[in-house]
Amino acid sequence: MTYDEAVSRAETIIAQLEQAEAISLEEYHRLAKEATGLLQFCKQQIEKSYE
């Protein structure tokens, strides 16, 4: 996965989480966990670019 793909997916997830009343608690948790992983990946990619 590229940085741009991760950012795009994270943005999609965030939009879904903003509409939390439309998803179950389990789905909310799954999406939040995925978004956290994607943001960690992006952070690592940014840190690598400054090494």
Protein backbone atom coordinates (compact mmCIF):
# COMPACT_ATOMS: atom_id res chain seq x y z
CA MET A 1 0.00 0.00 0.00
CA THR A 2 1.25 3.45 -0.83
CA TYR A 3 1.03 6.53 1.37
CA ASP A 4 -1.61 8.05 -0.94
CA GLU A 5 -3.71 4.88 -0.86
CA ALA A 6 -3.54 4.79 2.94
CA VAL A 7 -4.57 8.44 3.23
CA SER A 8 -7.45 7.91 0.83
CA ARG A 9 -8.71 4.86 2.73
CA ALA A 10 -8.35 6.68 6.07
CA GLU A 11 -10.39 9.60 4.71
CA THR A 12 -13.10 7.20 3.59
CA ILE A 13 -13.19 5.56 7.01
CA ILE A 14 -13.32 8.90 8.80
CA ALA A 15 -16.31 9.92 6.67
CA GLN A 16 -18.03 6.66 7.64
CA LEU A 17 -17.24 7.19 11.33
CA GLU A 18 -18.72 10.68 11.17
CA GLN A 19 -22.00 8.98 10.27
CA ALA A 20 -21.71 6.68 13.30
CA GLU A 21 -25.46 6.36 13.83
CA ALA A 22 -25.64 4.48 10.53
CA ILE A 23 -23.22 1.70 11.60
CA SER A 24 -23.14 -0.85 14.40
CA LEU A 25 -20.81 -0.55 17.37
CA GLU A 26 -18.82 -3.56 16.12
CA GLU A 27 -18.38 -1.97 12.69
CA TYR A 28 -17.42 1.35 14.31
CA HIS A 29 -14.75 -0.42 16.35
CA ARG A 30 -13.42 -2.30 13.31
CA LEU A 31 -13.23 0.86 11.21
CA ALA A 32 -11.61 2.85 14.00
CA LYS A 33 -8.97 0.14 14.43
CA GLU A 34 -8.29 0.06 10.68
CA ALA A 35 -8.02 3.86 10.54
CA THR A 36 -5.58 3.84 13.47
CA GLY A 37 -3.39 1.34 11.63
CA LEU A 38 -3.51 3.37 8.43
CA LEU A 39 -2.57 6.58 10.23
CA GLN A 40 0.33 4.80 11.94
CA PHE A 41 1.50 3.59 8.53
CA CYS A 42 1.32 7.14 7.16
CA LYS A 43 3.27 8.46 10.14
CA GLN A 44 5.99 5.87 9.54
CA GLN A 45 6.17 6.81 5.86
CA ILE A 46 6.57 10.48 6.73
CA GLU A 47 9.26 9.69 9.29
CA LYS A 48 11.14 7.59 6.71
CA SER A 49 11.12 10.48 4.27
CA TYR A 50 12.96 12.66 6.81
CA GLU A 51 15.73 10.12 7.54
